[in-house]
C-alpha atoms as a PDB file:
ATOM      1  CA  MET A   1       9.015  -2.664 -26.364  1.00  0.00           C
ATOM      2  CA  PHE A   2      10.995  -5.825 -25.706  1.00  0.00           C
ATOM      3  CA  THR A   3      12.248  -7.894 -22.810  1.00  0.00           C
ATOM      4  CA  ILE A   4      15.413  -9.989 -22.424  1.00  0.00           C
ATOM      5  CA  GLU A   5      15.704 -12.961 -20.067  1.00  0.00           C
ATOM      6  CA  HIS A   6      18.617 -15.347 -19.635  1.00  0.00           C
ATOM      7  CA  ASP A   7      17.595 -18.959 -19.015  1.00  0.00           C
ATOM      8  CA  PHE A   8      19.875 -21.880 -18.249  1.00  0.00           C
ATOM      9  CA  ASP A   9      20.405 -22.886 -21.899  1.00  0.00           C
ATOM     10  CA  SER A  10      19.110 -19.916 -23.898  1.00  0.00           C
ATOM     11  CA  THR A  11      18.453 -16.201 -24.087  1.00  0.00           C
ATOM     12  CA  VAL A  12      14.787 -15.286 -24.538  1.00  0.00           C
ATOM     13  CA  VAL A  13      13.773 -12.030 -26.223  1.00  0.00           C
ATOM     14  CA  THR A  14      10.083 -11.081 -26.310  1.00  0.00           C
ATOM     15  CA  LEU A  15       9.007  -8.428 -28.808  1.00  0.00           C
ATOM     16  CA  VAL A  16       5.791  -6.582 -27.932  1.00  0.00           C
ATOM     17  CA  ASP A  17       3.879  -4.783 -30.691  1.00  0.00           C
ATOM     18  CA  GLU A  18       2.963  -1.349 -29.319  1.00  0.00           C
ATOM     19  CA  GLY A  19       2.168   0.318 -32.625  1.00  0.00           C
ATOM     20  CA  GLU A  20      -1.207   1.444 -33.872  1.00  0.00           C
ATOM     21  CA  ALA A  21      -4.031  -1.062 -34.295  1.00  0.00           C
ATOM     22  CA  PRO A  22      -4.206  -3.710 -35.592  1.00  0.00           C
ATOM     23  CA  LEU A  23      -1.560  -5.077 -33.250  1.00  0.00           C
ATOM     24  CA  GLN A  24       0.183  -8.423 -33.713  1.00  0.00           C
ATOM     25  CA  GLU A  25       0.754 -11.015 -31.004  1.00  0.00           C
ATOM     26  CA  ASP A  26       4.050 -11.002 -29.083  1.00  0.00           C
ATOM     27  CA  VAL A  27       7.043 -12.592 -30.830  1.00  0.00           C
ATOM     28  CA  ILE A  28       9.273 -14.776 -28.645  1.00  0.00           C
ATOM     29  CA  VAL A  29      12.837 -15.499 -29.776  1.00  0.00           C
ATOM     30  CA  HIS A  30      14.812 -18.278 -28.069  1.00  0.00           C
ATOM     31  CA  ALA A  31      18.544 -18.078 -28.837  1.00  0.00           C
ATOM     32  CA  PHE A  32      20.285 -21.392 -28.169  1.00  0.00           C
ATOM     33  CA  GLU A  33      23.914 -22.270 -28.885  1.00  0.00           C
ATOM     34  CA  GLU A  34      23.046 -24.296 -32.005  1.00  0.00           C
ATOM     35  CA  CYS A  35      19.852 -22.602 -33.285  1.00  0.00           C
ATOM     36  CA  VAL A  36      17.275 -19.855 -32.811  1.00  0.00           C
ATOM     37  CA  THR A  37      13.527 -20.391 -32.557  1.00  0.00           C
ATOM     38  CA  VAL A  38      10.890 -17.748 -33.248  1.00  0.00           C
ATOM     39  CA  GLU A  39       7.369 -18.223 -31.843  1.00  0.00           C
ATOM     40  CA  GLN A  40       4.132 -16.315 -32.232  1.00  0.00           C
ATOM     41  CA  TYR A  41       0.594 -17.182 -31.175  1.00  0.00           C
ATOM     42  CA  ASP A  42      -1.861 -17.386 -34.095  1.00  0.00           C
ATOM     43  CA  PRO A  43      -5.372 -16.497 -32.862  1.00  0.00           C
ATOM     44  CA  ARG A  44      -6.934 -17.803 -36.097  1.00  0.00           C
ATOM     45  CA  THR A  45      -5.806 -21.368 -35.368  1.00  0.00           C
ATOM     46  CA  ASP A  46      -5.457 -21.011 -31.571  1.00  0.00           C
ATOM     47  CA  GLN A  47      -1.921 -22.408 -31.846  1.00  0.00           C
ATOM     48  CA  THR A  48       1.614 -21.135 -31.383  1.00  0.00           C
ATOM     49  CA  VAL A  49       3.610 -21.197 -34.615  1.00  0.00           C
ATOM     50  CA  ARG A  50       7.342 -21.934 -34.270  1.00  0.00           C
ATOM     51  CA  ILE A  51      10.162 -21.763 -36.792  1.00  0.00           C
ATOM     52  CA  THR A  52      13.729 -22.879 -36.164  1.00  0.00           C
ATOM     53  CA  LEU A  53      16.728 -21.214 -37.806  1.00  0.00           C
ATOM     54  CA  SER A  54      20.259 -22.560 -37.816  1.00  0.00           C
ATOM     55  CA  ILE A  55      22.961 -20.084 -36.849  1.00  0.00           C
ATOM     56  CA  ALA A  56      24.005 -19.905 -40.530  1.00  0.00           C
ATOM     57  CA  GLN A  57      20.420 -19.064 -41.546  1.00  0.00           C
ATOM     58  CA  LEU A  58      20.243 -16.403 -38.843  1.00  0.00           C
ATOM     59  CA  ASN A  59      23.488 -14.836 -40.088  1.00  0.00           C
ATOM     60  CA  ASP A  60      22.142 -14.874 -43.661  1.00  0.00           C
ATOM     61  CA  LEU A  61      18.896 -13.238 -42.518  1.00  0.00           C
ATOM     62  CA  GLY A  62      20.795 -10.514 -40.672  1.00  0.00           C
ATOM     63  CA  ALA A  63      22.902  -9.775 -43.752  1.00  0.00           C
ATOM     64  CA  ALA A  64      19.864  -9.859 -46.069  1.00  0.00           C
ATOM     65  CA  LEU A  65      18.132  -7.082 -44.158  1.00  0.00           C
ATOM     66  CA  ASP A  66      20.825  -4.625 -45.320  1.00  0.00           C
ATOM     67  CA  LEU A  67      21.246  -5.742 -48.954  1.00  0.00           C
ATOM     68  CA  PRO A  68      19.405  -4.892 -52.181  1.00  0.00           C
ATOM     69  CA  GLU A  69      17.442  -7.507 -54.132  1.00  0.00           C
ATOM     70  CA  GLY A  70      19.594 -10.360 -55.468  1.00  0.00           C
ATOM     71  CA  VAL A  71      21.176 -13.726 -54.668  1.00  0.00           C
ATOM     72  CA  TYR A  72      24.054 -13.851 -52.211  1.00  0.00           C
ATOM     73  CA  ARG A  73      26.326 -16.269 -50.341  1.00  0.00           C
ATOM     74  CA  LEU A  74      28.157 -15.151 -47.230  1.00  0.00           C
ATOM     75  CA  ARG A  75      31.821 -16.083 -46.979  1.00  0.00           C
ATOM     76  CA  LYS A  76      33.693 -16.657 -43.775  1.00  0.00           C
ATOM     77  CA  PRO A  77      36.533 -14.172 -43.268  1.00  0.00           C
ATOM     78  CA  VAL A  78      39.900 -15.547 -44.338  1.00  0.00           C
ATOM     79  CA  GLU A  79      42.419 -15.567 -41.531  1.00  0.00           C
ATOM     80  CA  PRO A  80      45.863 -14.225 -42.486  1.00  0.00           C
ATOM     81  CA  ALA A  81      48.635 -16.809 -42.740  1.00  0.00           C
ATOM     82  CA  ARG A  82      50.936 -16.917 -39.744  1.00  0.00           C
ATOM     83  CA  SER A  83      54.646 -16.660 -40.291  1.00  0.00           C
ATOM     84  CA  ALA A  84      56.999 -18.802 -38.240  1.00  0.00           C
END
């Protein structure tokens, strides 16, 4: 299950683990214009852990989920030259 909320400066997606035990804490994703943060409460340390991804890192992660093992670099699409 997940929820989506639109705040003033970001979109917030909360992922709820509904699988079989042991369940993980909710994951909260904040999508800003310049970056994305991912947060999850860690009951072992009683703290919320946060990582921040640049948009380029997020794009790389999305591509990596569909690729086999290896090293890759994403290229921006080349726009066709315009004729006058």
